[in-house]
Each structure stands twice: as structure tokens, then as C-alpha cells.
Amino acid sequence: MNLEPVVNTCADGCCASPAVAQDRRAALVRRVRLLVAATITYNVVEAVVALAAGTAASSGALIGFGLDSVIEVASAVAVAWQFSGADPEARERRALKVISISFFALAIYVTFEAVETFFAGTAPETSRTGIVLAAVSLVVMPTLSAAQRRAGRELGSASAVADSRQTLLCTYLSAVLLAGLLLNALAGWWWADPVVALAIAVVAAKEGRTAWRGQHCC
């Protein structure tokens, strides 16, 4: 069995990984492609459902969650593009930049929506569809994230690991959304969602900076 060294472009060589068997590397690349395709498919469905439910319930949180899914798709497409070529490592840095920008865009948008919702003080209507969607995402997204993170680390691919963190961040947003929708529906605590969303925005900004520096697989 021939061994082929994995070359990556992480900053300061922090992602340097041991040699990976050629057939194992090919299997890992196929796995990343499948996981990215699954992530894109789920997020497209998630975006459509969340935007429709958010519009019906006048829920800024649901609409924001739907737009976050659009950003998730952009991140996954960047990784899909990287691994569609014969030499994924050569496209590593450009894919990381796209993922980093998507993190920053998410942080800015979530912050804007949270502040606007907090000062407006307008409680959205109860959305059963949104509650179910957030609950399902809490199961699906961490599963996809963990699988892609394992494959990305074994490959030494910073972009695959960064995209898995983007997916994991969607899990946090799902939890925030679910908590906000339930607290609004059961206790009338409309302010819970924007407060926690601001914390998520801080995490998103931190992840964006890490992706920009190419340190996600360290």
C-alpha cells in the first residue's frame, strides 16, 4: 500500500498531519463530499421552511435562522468546490476565506437582528413549525458536524474542519431558536432570543477570525 503525504496550507504548519494511505485518503475525500452534499441539501430545506414559517408568524428569529441556513449553504458550497478538484489542498486557502467571510456575515446579521428585536419589543406569534424545525436541527446538525470534523482532521483539511464548525454553530442557533420560541410561546419572554443570539454572534465572529487565519484544524 503506497503512502502519500498530506500537504496542507494551515498557518504556521499547525495542521501538519502524518502520512495517510492513498486509498484511505480517497475514501476520506469521498466522505467529505457526501457530508457536504448532505449539509447543503438539509440547509436548503431548512432555509425554505424557516423563511416561510418566519414570514407567517412575523418571527425575526425564524427569518434570521432561515438566512443563517443560506450562509451555511455558502460555506458548504465552498468546501464542495474545493474537493471537486483533483488537488483539494491547492484550493484550501480560498475556501477558508469564503468560510471566514460567511462567519463574519452571520455575526453582523445576528447582531443587527438581535438589537433591532430587543429595542422594538415586538413578540412574534407562536410557530409550531419553527419549534419542530429547531428540534430536528438539534439532532441533524451536530451529527453532520461531528462526521465532517473527524474526516477533515484525518485529512488535515482546515476548510473541512472550518465548515464543520459552521455546521456546529447552526446547532447553537437551533438551540437558541428553540429556547426563544418556547419561552415566547409558554412564558411570553420575547427578550430571551435576542439576548442569547448576541452571544452566538460573538462566537461566530471568533470562528470567522480563526478560519481567516487557517487555524481550524489545529
N, C-alpha and C. Protein backbone atom coordinates (compact mmCIF):
# COMPACT_ATOMS: atom_id res chain seq x y z
N MET A 1 0.85 -1.19 0.00
CA MET A 1 0.00 0.00 0.00
C MET A 1 0.88 1.24 0.00
N ASN A 2 0.70 2.10 -0.96
CA ASN A 2 1.52 3.30 -1.05
C ASN A 2 1.04 4.37 -0.09
N LEU A 3 1.97 5.12 0.44
CA LEU A 3 1.62 6.22 1.32
C LEU A 3 1.87 7.53 0.61
N GLU A 4 0.91 8.44 0.78
CA GLU A 4 1.04 9.75 0.14
C GLU A 4 0.95 10.81 1.21
N PRO A 5 1.94 11.66 1.38
CA PRO A 5 1.90 12.68 2.42
C PRO A 5 0.78 13.68 2.17
N VAL A 6 0.15 14.09 3.25
CA VAL A 6 -0.90 15.09 3.14
C VAL A 6 -0.28 16.46 3.29
N VAL A 7 -0.44 17.29 2.31
CA VAL A 7 0.10 18.65 2.35
C VAL A 7 -1.04 19.61 2.59
N ASN A 8 -0.91 20.48 3.56
CA ASN A 8 -1.97 21.46 3.80
C ASN A 8 -1.36 22.82 3.98
N THR A 9 -2.19 23.83 4.00
CA THR A 9 -1.71 25.20 3.98
C THR A 9 -2.08 25.97 5.22
N CYS A 10 -2.27 25.29 6.35
CA CYS A 10 -2.63 26.00 7.57
C CYS A 10 -1.49 26.89 8.02
N ALA A 11 -1.87 27.98 8.65
CA ALA A 11 -0.87 28.93 9.12
C ALA A 11 0.08 28.28 10.11
N ASP A 12 1.37 28.57 9.98
CA ASP A 12 2.41 28.12 10.89
C ASP A 12 2.57 26.61 10.91
N GLY A 13 2.02 25.92 9.92
CA GLY A 13 2.15 24.47 9.87
C GLY A 13 1.41 23.75 10.98
N CYS A 14 0.43 24.39 11.61
CA CYS A 14 -0.23 23.80 12.77
C CYS A 14 -1.09 22.61 12.41
N CYS A 15 -1.45 22.48 11.16
CA CYS A 15 -2.32 21.37 10.76
C CYS A 15 -1.55 20.24 10.12
N ALA A 16 -0.24 20.29 10.17
CA ALA A 16 0.54 19.23 9.54
C ALA A 16 0.14 17.89 10.12
N SER A 17 -0.22 16.94 9.27
CA SER A 17 -0.71 15.64 9.72
C SER A 17 0.18 14.54 9.17
N PRO A 18 0.18 13.35 9.80
CA PRO A 18 1.01 12.25 9.33
C PRO A 18 0.53 11.75 7.97
N ALA A 19 1.39 10.97 7.33
CA ALA A 19 1.04 10.44 6.02
C ALA A 19 -0.22 9.60 6.10
N VAL A 20 -1.06 9.68 5.07
CA VAL A 20 -2.30 8.93 5.01
C VAL A 20 -2.25 8.03 3.79
N ALA A 21 -2.62 6.77 3.97
CA ALA A 21 -2.62 5.83 2.85
C ALA A 21 -3.46 6.39 1.71
N GLN A 22 -3.00 6.17 0.49
CA GLN A 22 -3.65 6.76 -0.68
C GLN A 22 -5.11 6.34 -0.79
N ASP A 23 -5.39 5.03 -0.56
CA ASP A 23 -6.78 4.59 -0.66
C ASP A 23 -7.64 5.15 0.47
N ARG A 24 -7.02 5.31 1.66
CA ARG A 24 -7.74 5.90 2.78
C ARG A 24 -8.05 7.37 2.51
N ARG A 25 -7.07 8.06 1.93
CA ARG A 25 -7.27 9.47 1.61
C ARG A 25 -8.40 9.64 0.60
N ALA A 26 -8.45 8.77 -0.41
CA ALA A 26 -9.52 8.84 -1.40
C ALA A 26 -10.88 8.61 -0.76
N ALA A 27 -10.93 7.67 0.19
CA ALA A 27 -12.18 7.39 0.89
C ALA A 27 -12.62 8.58 1.73
N LEU A 28 -11.66 9.24 2.38
CA LEU A 28 -11.98 10.41 3.20
C LEU A 28 -12.49 11.57 2.34
N VAL A 29 -11.88 11.76 1.18
CA VAL A 29 -12.33 12.82 0.27
C VAL A 29 -13.76 12.56 -0.18
N ARG A 30 -14.07 11.29 -0.51
CA ARG A 30 -15.44 10.95 -0.90
C ARG A 30 -16.41 11.20 0.25
N ARG A 31 -15.97 10.87 1.46
CA ARG A 31 -16.83 11.08 2.63
C ARG A 31 -17.13 12.56 2.85
N VAL A 32 -16.10 13.39 2.72
CA VAL A 32 -16.31 14.83 2.88
C VAL A 32 -17.29 15.34 1.82
N ARG A 33 -17.13 14.88 0.59
CA ARG A 33 -18.04 15.30 -0.48
C ARG A 33 -19.48 14.92 -0.16
N LEU A 34 -19.70 13.70 0.33
CA LEU A 34 -21.05 13.25 0.67
C LEU A 34 -21.63 14.05 1.83
N LEU A 35 -20.80 14.30 2.84
CA LEU A 35 -21.27 15.06 4.01
C LEU A 35 -21.61 16.50 3.63
N VAL A 36 -20.79 17.08 2.77
CA VAL A 36 -21.06 18.44 2.32
C VAL A 36 -22.35 18.48 1.51
N ALA A 37 -22.56 17.48 0.65
CA ALA A 37 -23.80 17.41 -0.14
C ALA A 37 -25.01 17.29 0.78
N ALA A 38 -24.89 16.46 1.83
CA ALA A 38 -25.99 16.29 2.78
C ALA A 38 -26.25 17.59 3.53
N THR A 39 -25.19 18.30 3.90
CA THR A 39 -25.33 19.58 4.61
C THR A 39 -26.03 20.62 3.73
N ILE A 40 -25.62 20.68 2.47
CA ILE A 40 -26.24 21.63 1.55
C ILE A 40 -27.73 21.32 1.37
N THR A 41 -28.05 20.04 1.16
CA THR A 41 -29.44 19.63 0.95
C THR A 41 -30.30 19.97 2.16
N TYR A 42 -29.80 19.62 3.35
CA TYR A 42 -30.59 19.89 4.56
C TYR A 42 -30.78 21.39 4.78
N ASN A 43 -29.73 22.15 4.57
CA ASN A 43 -29.82 23.59 4.82
C ASN A 43 -30.73 24.29 3.82
N VAL A 44 -30.79 23.80 2.59
CA VAL A 44 -31.72 24.38 1.62
C VAL A 44 -33.16 24.17 2.10
N VAL A 45 -33.46 22.93 2.53
CA VAL A 45 -34.80 22.64 3.05
C VAL A 45 -35.08 23.47 4.30
N GLU A 46 -34.09 23.53 5.18
CA GLU A 46 -34.22 24.29 6.42
C GLU A 46 -34.49 25.77 6.14
N ALA A 47 -33.79 26.33 5.17
CA ALA A 47 -33.96 27.74 4.84
C ALA A 47 -35.37 28.02 4.32
N VAL A 48 -35.85 27.16 3.43
CA VAL A 48 -37.19 27.35 2.85
C VAL A 48 -38.25 27.28 3.94
N VAL A 49 -38.17 26.26 4.81
CA VAL A 49 -39.17 26.08 5.86
C VAL A 49 -39.11 27.23 6.87
N ALA A 50 -37.90 27.61 7.30
CA ALA A 50 -37.74 28.66 8.30
C ALA A 50 -38.22 30.01 7.78
N LEU A 51 -37.88 30.34 6.54
CA LEU A 51 -38.30 31.63 5.98
C LEU A 51 -39.80 31.69 5.81
N ALA A 52 -40.41 30.57 5.38
CA ALA A 52 -41.86 30.54 5.21
C ALA A 52 -42.57 30.65 6.56
N ALA A 53 -42.10 29.88 7.55
CA ALA A 53 -42.71 29.90 8.88
C ALA A 53 -42.48 31.25 9.56
N GLY A 54 -41.29 31.81 9.37
CA GLY A 54 -40.98 33.10 9.98
C GLY A 54 -41.83 34.22 9.43
N THR A 55 -42.06 34.18 8.12
CA THR A 55 -42.91 35.19 7.49
C THR A 55 -44.34 35.07 7.98
N ALA A 56 -44.83 33.83 8.10
CA ALA A 56 -46.20 33.60 8.55
C ALA A 56 -46.42 34.04 9.99
N ALA A 57 -45.38 33.85 10.83
CA ALA A 57 -45.51 34.20 12.25
C ALA A 57 -44.94 35.56 12.59
N SER A 58 -44.42 36.27 11.58
CA SER A 58 -43.74 37.56 11.81
C SER A 58 -42.62 37.40 12.84
N SER A 59 -41.87 36.30 12.70
CA SER A 59 -40.80 35.99 13.65
C SER A 59 -39.45 36.34 13.06
N GLY A 60 -38.82 37.36 13.64
CA GLY A 60 -37.49 37.75 13.20
C GLY A 60 -36.47 36.66 13.46
N ALA A 61 -36.66 35.91 14.56
CA ALA A 61 -35.73 34.83 14.89
C ALA A 61 -35.77 33.73 13.84
N LEU A 62 -36.97 33.36 13.42
CA LEU A 62 -37.11 32.32 12.41
C LEU A 62 -36.57 32.77 11.06
N ILE A 63 -36.86 34.00 10.70
CA ILE A 63 -36.34 34.54 9.44
C ILE A 63 -34.82 34.59 9.48
N GLY A 64 -34.27 35.03 10.60
CA GLY A 64 -32.82 35.05 10.76
C GLY A 64 -32.21 33.67 10.69
N PHE A 65 -32.92 32.70 11.27
CA PHE A 65 -32.44 31.32 11.21
C PHE A 65 -32.43 30.81 9.78
N GLY A 66 -33.45 31.19 9.02
CA GLY A 66 -33.51 30.79 7.62
C GLY A 66 -32.37 31.39 6.81
N LEU A 67 -32.07 32.66 7.08
CA LEU A 67 -30.96 33.30 6.38
C LEU A 67 -29.62 32.71 6.80
N ASP A 68 -29.53 32.31 8.07
CA ASP A 68 -28.32 31.63 8.53
C ASP A 68 -28.11 30.34 7.73
N SER A 69 -29.21 29.65 7.41
CA SER A 69 -29.10 28.43 6.62
C SER A 69 -28.54 28.72 5.24
N VAL A 70 -28.89 29.89 4.70
CA VAL A 70 -28.35 30.29 3.39
C VAL A 70 -26.83 30.46 3.49
N ILE A 71 -26.38 31.06 4.61
CA ILE A 71 -24.94 31.23 4.82
C ILE A 71 -24.27 29.88 4.98
N GLU A 72 -24.94 28.94 5.67
CA GLU A 72 -24.41 27.59 5.82
C GLU A 72 -24.20 26.94 4.46
N VAL A 73 -25.15 27.16 3.57
CA VAL A 73 -25.04 26.60 2.22
C VAL A 73 -23.82 27.18 1.50
N ALA A 74 -23.61 28.49 1.65
CA ALA A 74 -22.46 29.13 1.00
C ALA A 74 -21.15 28.52 1.51
N SER A 75 -21.07 28.26 2.81
CA SER A 75 -19.87 27.65 3.38
C SER A 75 -19.66 26.24 2.85
N ALA A 76 -20.74 25.46 2.81
CA ALA A 76 -20.64 24.08 2.33
C ALA A 76 -20.29 24.03 0.85
N VAL A 77 -20.83 24.98 0.08
CA VAL A 77 -20.51 25.02 -1.36
C VAL A 77 -19.03 25.30 -1.56
N ALA A 78 -18.45 26.15 -0.70
CA ALA A 78 -17.02 26.45 -0.80
C ALA A 78 -16.19 25.19 -0.62
N VAL A 79 -16.57 24.36 0.35
CA VAL A 79 -15.84 23.11 0.58
C VAL A 79 -16.10 22.12 -0.55
N ALA A 80 -17.34 22.09 -1.05
CA ALA A 80 -17.66 21.20 -2.18
C ALA A 80 -16.81 21.57 -3.39
N TRP A 81 -16.67 22.89 -3.63
CA TRP A 81 -15.83 23.35 -4.74
C TRP A 81 -14.38 22.91 -4.53
N GLN A 82 -13.90 23.04 -3.30
CA GLN A 82 -12.51 22.66 -3.03
C GLN A 82 -12.27 21.19 -3.35
N PHE A 83 -13.17 20.33 -2.89
CA PHE A 83 -12.96 18.89 -3.04
C PHE A 83 -13.46 18.35 -4.37
N SER A 84 -13.93 19.23 -5.25
CA SER A 84 -14.33 18.78 -6.58
C SER A 84 -13.15 18.72 -7.53
N GLY A 85 -12.04 19.34 -7.14
CA GLY A 85 -10.85 19.35 -7.98
C GLY A 85 -9.93 18.17 -7.70
N ALA A 86 -8.98 17.98 -8.58
CA ALA A 86 -8.03 16.87 -8.42
C ALA A 86 -7.06 17.11 -7.27
N ASP A 87 -6.84 18.39 -6.92
CA ASP A 87 -5.90 18.73 -5.85
C ASP A 87 -6.59 19.66 -4.86
N PRO A 88 -7.37 19.09 -3.91
CA PRO A 88 -8.11 19.92 -2.96
C PRO A 88 -7.24 20.87 -2.14
N GLU A 89 -6.00 20.41 -1.81
CA GLU A 89 -5.13 21.25 -0.98
C GLU A 89 -4.79 22.58 -1.65
N ALA A 90 -4.75 22.57 -2.99
CA ALA A 90 -4.41 23.79 -3.72
C ALA A 90 -5.49 24.85 -3.59
N ARG A 91 -6.72 24.41 -3.27
CA ARG A 91 -7.83 25.35 -3.15
C ARG A 91 -8.16 25.69 -1.69
N GLU A 92 -7.35 25.19 -0.78
CA GLU A 92 -7.62 25.31 0.66
C GLU A 92 -7.82 26.75 1.11
N ARG A 93 -6.86 27.61 0.78
CA ARG A 93 -6.88 28.97 1.31
C ARG A 93 -8.09 29.76 0.82
N ARG A 94 -8.42 29.61 -0.46
CA ARG A 94 -9.57 30.35 -0.99
C ARG A 94 -10.87 29.87 -0.35
N ALA A 95 -11.00 28.56 -0.13
CA ALA A 95 -12.19 28.03 0.52
C ALA A 95 -12.30 28.57 1.95
N LEU A 96 -11.15 28.64 2.64
CA LEU A 96 -11.15 29.16 4.01
C LEU A 96 -11.59 30.62 4.07
N LYS A 97 -11.16 31.42 3.09
CA LYS A 97 -11.55 32.82 3.06
C LYS A 97 -13.07 32.96 2.92
N VAL A 98 -13.66 32.15 2.04
CA VAL A 98 -15.12 32.20 1.84
C VAL A 98 -15.83 31.82 3.13
N ILE A 99 -15.36 30.76 3.80
CA ILE A 99 -15.97 30.32 5.05
C ILE A 99 -15.84 31.40 6.11
N SER A 100 -14.66 32.02 6.19
CA SER A 100 -14.43 33.08 7.16
C SER A 100 -15.39 34.25 6.95
N ILE A 101 -15.53 34.67 5.71
CA ILE A 101 -16.43 35.78 5.39
C ILE A 101 -17.87 35.44 5.76
N SER A 102 -18.26 34.18 5.55
CA SER A 102 -19.63 33.77 5.88
C SER A 102 -19.85 33.85 7.40
N PHE A 103 -18.82 33.52 8.20
CA PHE A 103 -18.91 33.65 9.65
C PHE A 103 -19.13 35.12 10.04
N PHE A 104 -18.33 36.00 9.46
CA PHE A 104 -18.46 37.43 9.77
C PHE A 104 -19.83 37.97 9.37
N ALA A 105 -20.30 37.55 8.20
CA ALA A 105 -21.62 37.99 7.74
C ALA A 105 -22.70 37.53 8.71
N LEU A 106 -22.59 36.30 9.17
CA LEU A 106 -23.55 35.77 10.13
C LEU A 106 -23.53 36.55 11.43
N ALA A 107 -22.33 36.86 11.93
CA ALA A 107 -22.19 37.61 13.18
C ALA A 107 -22.83 38.99 13.07
N ILE A 108 -22.57 39.66 11.96
CA ILE A 108 -23.13 41.01 11.75
C ILE A 108 -24.64 40.96 11.67
N TYR A 109 -25.15 40.00 10.90
CA TYR A 109 -26.61 39.91 10.71
C TYR A 109 -27.32 39.57 12.03
N VAL A 110 -26.80 38.57 12.75
CA VAL A 110 -27.44 38.16 14.00
C VAL A 110 -27.43 39.31 15.01
N THR A 111 -26.31 40.03 15.07
CA THR A 111 -26.23 41.19 15.98
C THR A 111 -27.27 42.24 15.63
N PHE A 112 -27.36 42.57 14.34
CA PHE A 112 -28.32 43.58 13.89
C PHE A 112 -29.75 43.17 14.23
N GLU A 113 -30.09 41.93 13.92
CA GLU A 113 -31.45 41.45 14.18
C GLU A 113 -31.76 41.40 15.67
N ALA A 114 -30.78 40.98 16.47
CA ALA A 114 -31.00 40.87 17.91
C ALA A 114 -31.24 42.25 18.53
N VAL A 115 -30.41 43.22 18.14
CA VAL A 115 -30.57 44.57 18.68
C VAL A 115 -31.90 45.18 18.24
N GLU A 116 -32.22 45.00 16.98
CA GLU A 116 -33.49 45.54 16.46
C GLU A 116 -34.69 44.91 17.18
N THR A 117 -34.66 43.59 17.37
CA THR A 117 -35.76 42.90 18.04
C THR A 117 -35.88 43.34 19.49
N PHE A 118 -34.73 43.51 20.15
CA PHE A 118 -34.74 43.89 21.57
C PHE A 118 -35.35 45.27 21.77
N PHE A 119 -34.96 46.23 20.96
CA PHE A 119 -35.46 47.59 21.13
C PHE A 119 -36.88 47.77 20.60
N ALA A 120 -37.25 46.97 19.62
CA ALA A 120 -38.62 47.05 19.11
C ALA A 120 -39.61 46.46 20.11
N GLY A 121 -39.17 45.42 20.81
CA GLY A 121 -40.03 44.81 21.82
C GLY A 121 -41.28 44.15 21.26
N THR A 122 -41.20 43.71 20.03
CA THR A 122 -42.35 43.09 19.38
C THR A 122 -42.24 41.57 19.45
N ALA A 123 -43.18 40.94 20.13
CA ALA A 123 -43.16 39.48 20.27
C ALA A 123 -43.78 38.82 19.05
N PRO A 124 -43.10 37.82 18.48
CA PRO A 124 -43.66 37.11 17.32
C PRO A 124 -44.78 36.18 17.75
N GLU A 125 -45.57 35.73 16.79
CA GLU A 125 -46.60 34.75 17.07
C GLU A 125 -45.97 33.38 17.30
N THR A 126 -46.72 32.50 17.95
CA THR A 126 -46.24 31.14 18.18
C THR A 126 -46.15 30.39 16.86
N SER A 127 -45.04 29.68 16.65
CA SER A 127 -44.85 28.91 15.42
C SER A 127 -44.52 27.47 15.76
N ARG A 128 -45.48 26.58 15.62
CA ARG A 128 -45.24 25.16 15.87
C ARG A 128 -44.26 24.59 14.84
N THR A 129 -44.38 25.08 13.61
CA THR A 129 -43.46 24.63 12.57
C THR A 129 -42.02 24.97 12.93
N GLY A 130 -41.82 26.19 13.43
CA GLY A 130 -40.49 26.62 13.82
C GLY A 130 -39.93 25.79 14.97
N ILE A 131 -40.78 25.46 15.93
CA ILE A 131 -40.35 24.65 17.08
C ILE A 131 -39.90 23.27 16.62
N VAL A 132 -40.68 22.65 15.74
CA VAL A 132 -40.32 21.33 15.22
C VAL A 132 -39.02 21.40 14.41
N LEU A 133 -38.90 22.41 13.58
CA LEU A 133 -37.70 22.57 12.75
C LEU A 133 -36.47 22.72 13.61
N ALA A 134 -36.53 23.56 14.64
CA ALA A 134 -35.38 23.77 15.52
C ALA A 134 -35.01 22.48 16.25
N ALA A 135 -36.02 21.71 16.68
CA ALA A 135 -35.76 20.45 17.38
C ALA A 135 -35.07 19.43 16.45
N VAL A 136 -35.55 19.35 15.22
CA VAL A 136 -34.94 18.42 14.26
C VAL A 136 -33.50 18.83 13.97
N SER A 137 -33.26 20.12 13.82
CA SER A 137 -31.90 20.61 13.52
C SER A 137 -30.94 20.31 14.67
N LEU A 138 -31.45 20.29 15.89
CA LEU A 138 -30.61 19.97 17.04
C LEU A 138 -30.09 18.54 16.99
N VAL A 139 -30.76 17.68 16.25
CA VAL A 139 -30.33 16.29 16.10
C VAL A 139 -29.45 16.12 14.85
N VAL A 140 -29.90 16.73 13.75
CA VAL A 140 -29.23 16.53 12.46
C VAL A 140 -27.88 17.24 12.39
N MET A 141 -27.85 18.51 12.77
CA MET A 141 -26.64 19.31 12.55
C MET A 141 -25.42 18.84 13.34
N PRO A 142 -25.53 18.52 14.63
CA PRO A 142 -24.33 18.04 15.32
C PRO A 142 -23.80 16.71 14.78
N THR A 143 -24.70 15.88 14.26
CA THR A 143 -24.29 14.61 13.66
C THR A 143 -23.45 14.85 12.41
N LEU A 144 -23.94 15.73 11.52
CA LEU A 144 -23.19 16.07 10.32
C LEU A 144 -21.87 16.75 10.66
N SER A 145 -21.90 17.64 11.65
CA SER A 145 -20.70 18.37 12.04
C SER A 145 -19.62 17.44 12.56
N ALA A 146 -19.99 16.50 13.44
CA ALA A 146 -19.00 15.59 14.03
C ALA A 146 -18.37 14.70 12.96
N ALA A 147 -19.18 14.20 12.04
CA ALA A 147 -18.66 13.32 10.99
C ALA A 147 -17.70 14.07 10.08
N GLN A 148 -18.04 15.29 9.70
CA GLN A 148 -17.17 16.05 8.81
C GLN A 148 -15.90 16.50 9.54
N ARG A 149 -16.02 16.81 10.82
CA ARG A 149 -14.84 17.22 11.57
C ARG A 149 -13.82 16.09 11.67
N ARG A 150 -14.31 14.87 11.93
CA ARG A 150 -13.40 13.73 12.02
C ARG A 150 -12.68 13.49 10.69
N ALA A 151 -13.44 13.52 9.59
CA ALA A 151 -12.83 13.30 8.28
C ALA A 151 -11.85 14.43 7.93
N GLY A 152 -12.23 15.67 8.23
CA GLY A 152 -11.38 16.81 7.93
C GLY A 152 -10.07 16.78 8.70
N ARG A 153 -10.14 16.39 9.97
CA ARG A 153 -8.92 16.33 10.78
C ARG A 153 -7.99 15.24 10.29
N GLU A 154 -8.55 14.09 9.91
CA GLU A 154 -7.70 13.00 9.42
C GLU A 154 -7.04 13.38 8.10
N LEU A 155 -7.77 14.16 7.29
CA LEU A 155 -7.20 14.63 6.02
C LEU A 155 -6.21 15.77 6.22
N GLY A 156 -6.32 16.45 7.35
CA GLY A 156 -5.52 17.65 7.55
C GLY A 156 -6.08 18.83 6.78
N SER A 157 -7.42 18.84 6.58
CA SER A 157 -8.07 19.90 5.80
C SER A 157 -8.69 20.94 6.71
N ALA A 158 -8.11 22.14 6.73
CA ALA A 158 -8.63 23.22 7.57
C ALA A 158 -10.01 23.65 7.12
N SER A 159 -10.26 23.66 5.81
CA SER A 159 -11.55 24.13 5.31
C SER A 159 -12.68 23.18 5.70
N ALA A 160 -12.42 21.87 5.63
CA ALA A 160 -13.45 20.90 6.01
C ALA A 160 -13.77 21.02 7.49
N VAL A 161 -12.74 21.23 8.33
CA VAL A 161 -12.96 21.40 9.76
C VAL A 161 -13.69 22.71 10.03
N ALA A 162 -13.31 23.77 9.31
CA ALA A 162 -13.98 25.06 9.48
C ALA A 162 -15.45 24.97 9.12
N ASP A 163 -15.76 24.25 8.04
CA ASP A 163 -17.15 24.10 7.63
C ASP A 163 -17.92 23.28 8.67
N SER A 164 -17.26 22.31 9.30
CA SER A 164 -17.92 21.54 10.34
C SER A 164 -18.25 22.42 11.54
N ARG A 165 -17.39 23.40 11.81
CA ARG A 165 -17.67 24.34 12.89
C ARG A 165 -18.83 25.28 12.52
N GLN A 166 -18.93 25.61 11.26
CA GLN A 166 -20.06 26.40 10.79
C GLN A 166 -21.35 25.62 11.02
N THR A 167 -21.33 24.34 10.73
CA THR A 167 -22.49 23.49 10.95
C THR A 167 -22.80 23.38 12.44
N LEU A 168 -21.76 23.27 13.26
CA LEU A 168 -21.96 23.19 14.70
C LEU A 168 -22.55 24.49 15.24
N LEU A 169 -22.12 25.61 14.68
CA LEU A 169 -22.68 26.90 15.09
C LEU A 169 -24.18 26.95 14.80
N CYS A 170 -24.59 26.33 13.69
CA CYS A 170 -26.00 26.25 13.37
C CYS A 170 -26.75 25.47 14.44
N THR A 171 -26.08 24.50 15.05
CA THR A 171 -26.68 23.75 16.16
C THR A 171 -26.97 24.68 17.33
N TYR A 172 -26.00 25.55 17.66
CA TYR A 172 -26.21 26.51 18.74
C TYR A 172 -27.36 27.45 18.43
N LEU A 173 -27.41 27.89 17.18
CA LEU A 173 -28.50 28.78 16.79
C LEU A 173 -29.84 28.04 16.85
N SER A 174 -29.84 26.75 16.54
CA SER A 174 -31.07 25.96 16.65
C SER A 174 -31.54 25.91 18.10
N ALA A 175 -30.58 25.74 19.02
CA ALA A 175 -30.92 25.69 20.44
C ALA A 175 -31.48 27.04 20.91
N VAL A 176 -30.84 28.11 20.46
CA VAL A 176 -31.30 29.45 20.81
C VAL A 176 -32.70 29.69 20.24
N LEU A 177 -32.88 29.32 18.99
CA LEU A 177 -34.18 29.49 18.35
C LEU A 177 -35.25 28.71 19.09
N LEU A 178 -34.96 27.44 19.40
CA LEU A 178 -35.93 26.60 20.09
C LEU A 178 -36.28 27.20 21.46
N ALA A 179 -35.25 27.63 22.20
CA ALA A 179 -35.49 28.23 23.51
C ALA A 179 -36.32 29.50 23.39
N GLY A 180 -35.96 30.33 22.40
CA GLY A 180 -36.70 31.58 22.22
C GLY A 180 -38.15 31.35 21.84
N LEU A 181 -38.39 30.42 20.92
CA LEU A 181 -39.76 30.13 20.50
C LEU A 181 -40.59 29.54 21.64
N LEU A 182 -39.97 28.64 22.43
CA LEU A 182 -40.69 28.03 23.54
C LEU A 182 -40.97 29.04 24.65
N LEU A 183 -39.96 29.86 24.98
CA LEU A 183 -40.16 30.86 26.03
C LEU A 183 -41.20 31.90 25.62
N ASN A 184 -41.21 32.24 24.34
CA ASN A 184 -42.21 33.18 23.85
C ASN A 184 -43.60 32.56 23.88
N ALA A 185 -43.68 31.27 23.48
CA ALA A 185 -44.98 30.60 23.43
C ALA A 185 -45.52 30.27 24.82
N LEU A 186 -44.65 29.87 25.74
CA LEU A 186 -45.11 29.39 27.04
C LEU A 186 -45.07 30.43 28.15
N ALA A 187 -44.08 31.34 28.07
CA ALA A 187 -43.92 32.31 29.17
C ALA A 187 -44.00 33.75 28.72
N GLY A 188 -44.04 33.98 27.43
CA GLY A 188 -44.11 35.36 26.94
C GLY A 188 -42.79 36.11 27.08
N TRP A 189 -41.67 35.38 27.23
CA TRP A 189 -40.35 36.03 27.37
C TRP A 189 -39.76 36.30 26.00
N TRP A 190 -40.22 37.32 25.34
CA TRP A 190 -39.80 37.64 23.97
C TRP A 190 -38.33 38.05 23.90
N TRP A 191 -37.78 38.54 25.02
CA TRP A 191 -36.43 39.10 25.03
C TRP A 191 -35.34 38.03 25.13
N ALA A 192 -35.71 36.78 25.45
CA ALA A 192 -34.71 35.74 25.65
C ALA A 192 -33.91 35.46 24.37
N ASP A 193 -34.61 35.42 23.25
CA ASP A 193 -33.94 35.09 21.99
C ASP A 193 -32.88 36.11 21.58
N PRO A 194 -33.20 37.42 21.55
CA PRO A 194 -32.15 38.37 21.14
C PRO A 194 -30.96 38.43 22.07
N VAL A 195 -31.18 38.20 23.37
CA VAL A 195 -30.06 38.24 24.32
C VAL A 195 -29.08 37.10 24.05
N VAL A 196 -29.59 35.88 23.90
CA VAL A 196 -28.71 34.74 23.64
C VAL A 196 -28.12 34.82 22.23
N ALA A 197 -28.88 35.36 21.29
CA ALA A 197 -28.38 35.49 19.91
C ALA A 197 -27.12 36.37 19.86
N LEU A 198 -27.05 37.37 20.72
CA LEU A 198 -25.85 38.21 20.76
C LEU A 198 -24.62 37.39 21.16
N ALA A 199 -24.79 36.44 22.08
CA ALA A 199 -23.67 35.57 22.47
C ALA A 199 -23.24 34.71 21.29
N ILE A 200 -24.20 34.23 20.51
CA ILE A 200 -23.88 33.43 19.33
C ILE A 200 -23.12 34.27 18.31
N ALA A 201 -23.47 35.55 18.19
CA ALA A 201 -22.78 36.44 17.25
C ALA A 201 -21.31 36.59 17.63
N VAL A 202 -21.04 36.65 18.92
CA VAL A 202 -19.65 36.75 19.39
C VAL A 202 -18.87 35.49 19.00
N VAL A 203 -19.50 34.32 19.17
CA VAL A 203 -18.87 33.05 18.79
C VAL A 203 -18.62 33.01 17.29
N ALA A 204 -19.59 33.48 16.50
CA ALA A 204 -19.45 33.48 15.05
C ALA A 204 -18.27 34.35 14.62
N ALA A 205 -18.14 35.52 15.24
CA ALA A 205 -17.03 36.41 14.90
C ALA A 205 -15.69 35.76 15.24
N LYS A 206 -15.62 35.06 16.37
CA LYS A 206 -14.39 34.38 16.77
C LYS A 206 -14.05 33.27 15.78
N GLU A 207 -15.06 32.51 15.36
CA GLU A 207 -14.82 31.44 14.40
C GLU A 207 -14.37 32.00 13.04
N GLY A 208 -14.95 33.15 12.67
CA GLY A 208 -14.54 33.78 11.42
C GLY A 208 -13.08 34.19 11.43
N ARG A 209 -12.65 34.72 12.55
CA ARG A 209 -11.24 35.12 12.67
C ARG A 209 -10.31 33.91 12.61
N THR A 210 -10.73 32.82 13.28
CA THR A 210 -9.92 31.60 13.28
C THR A 210 -9.82 31.01 11.88
N ALA A 211 -10.95 30.99 11.15
CA ALA A 211 -10.94 30.46 9.78
C ALA A 211 -10.05 31.31 8.89
N TRP A 212 -10.10 32.63 9.06
CA TRP A 212 -9.29 33.54 8.24
C TRP A 212 -7.80 33.25 8.43
N ARG A 213 -7.43 32.89 9.66
CA ARG A 213 -6.02 32.60 9.95
C ARG A 213 -5.64 31.17 9.60
N GLY A 214 -6.63 30.35 9.23
CA GLY A 214 -6.36 28.97 8.84
C GLY A 214 -5.96 28.08 9.99
N GLN A 215 -6.60 28.27 11.15
CA GLN A 215 -6.20 27.52 12.36
C GLN A 215 -7.23 26.52 12.80
N HIS A 216 -8.24 26.21 11.98
CA HIS A 216 -9.33 25.36 12.45
C HIS A 216 -8.95 23.92 12.69
N CYS A 217 -7.91 23.42 12.08
CA CYS A 217 -7.60 22.00 12.28
C CYS A 217 -6.52 21.80 13.33
N CYS A 218 -6.11 22.87 13.97
CA CYS A 218 -5.03 22.74 14.95
C CYS A 218 -5.52 22.09 16.23
